[in-house]
Amino acid sequence: MQDLVSSDPKVMMGKPVIRDTRVTVELILEKLAAGETFEQILAEHPRLTEEGIRAALAFAGRALRADVVYPLRDAAE
C-alpha cells in the first residue's frame, strides 16, 4: 500500500499524491475530516480507489509518528 503514495516536484508542487492521480493526501484527509464518506470521495475522483484512500490514511499515520512536535494554538486565540 505504501507504493500508492508518491511525491514528484512536477506534480502538485511535490505534495504526496495517490500514484497516477493528482489527488493529494492532504485533500483526502480534509474531505474525510469534513465528514465525506469514501463513496462520496470516490464519486468525485473516479481515478481514485478505496485502496488509495486507505493508503493516504496510512501515510498520514506514518508521518505523524515522526519525532516532531506540532504546536497547537489555543482555541481562545
Foldseek 3Di string as FASTA:
>chain_A
DLVQWAFDCVAPNRAIDGPPDNHHLVNLVVCVVVPDDPVVVCVVPVVDDPVSSVSSVVVVVVVVVPPDDDDDDDPVD
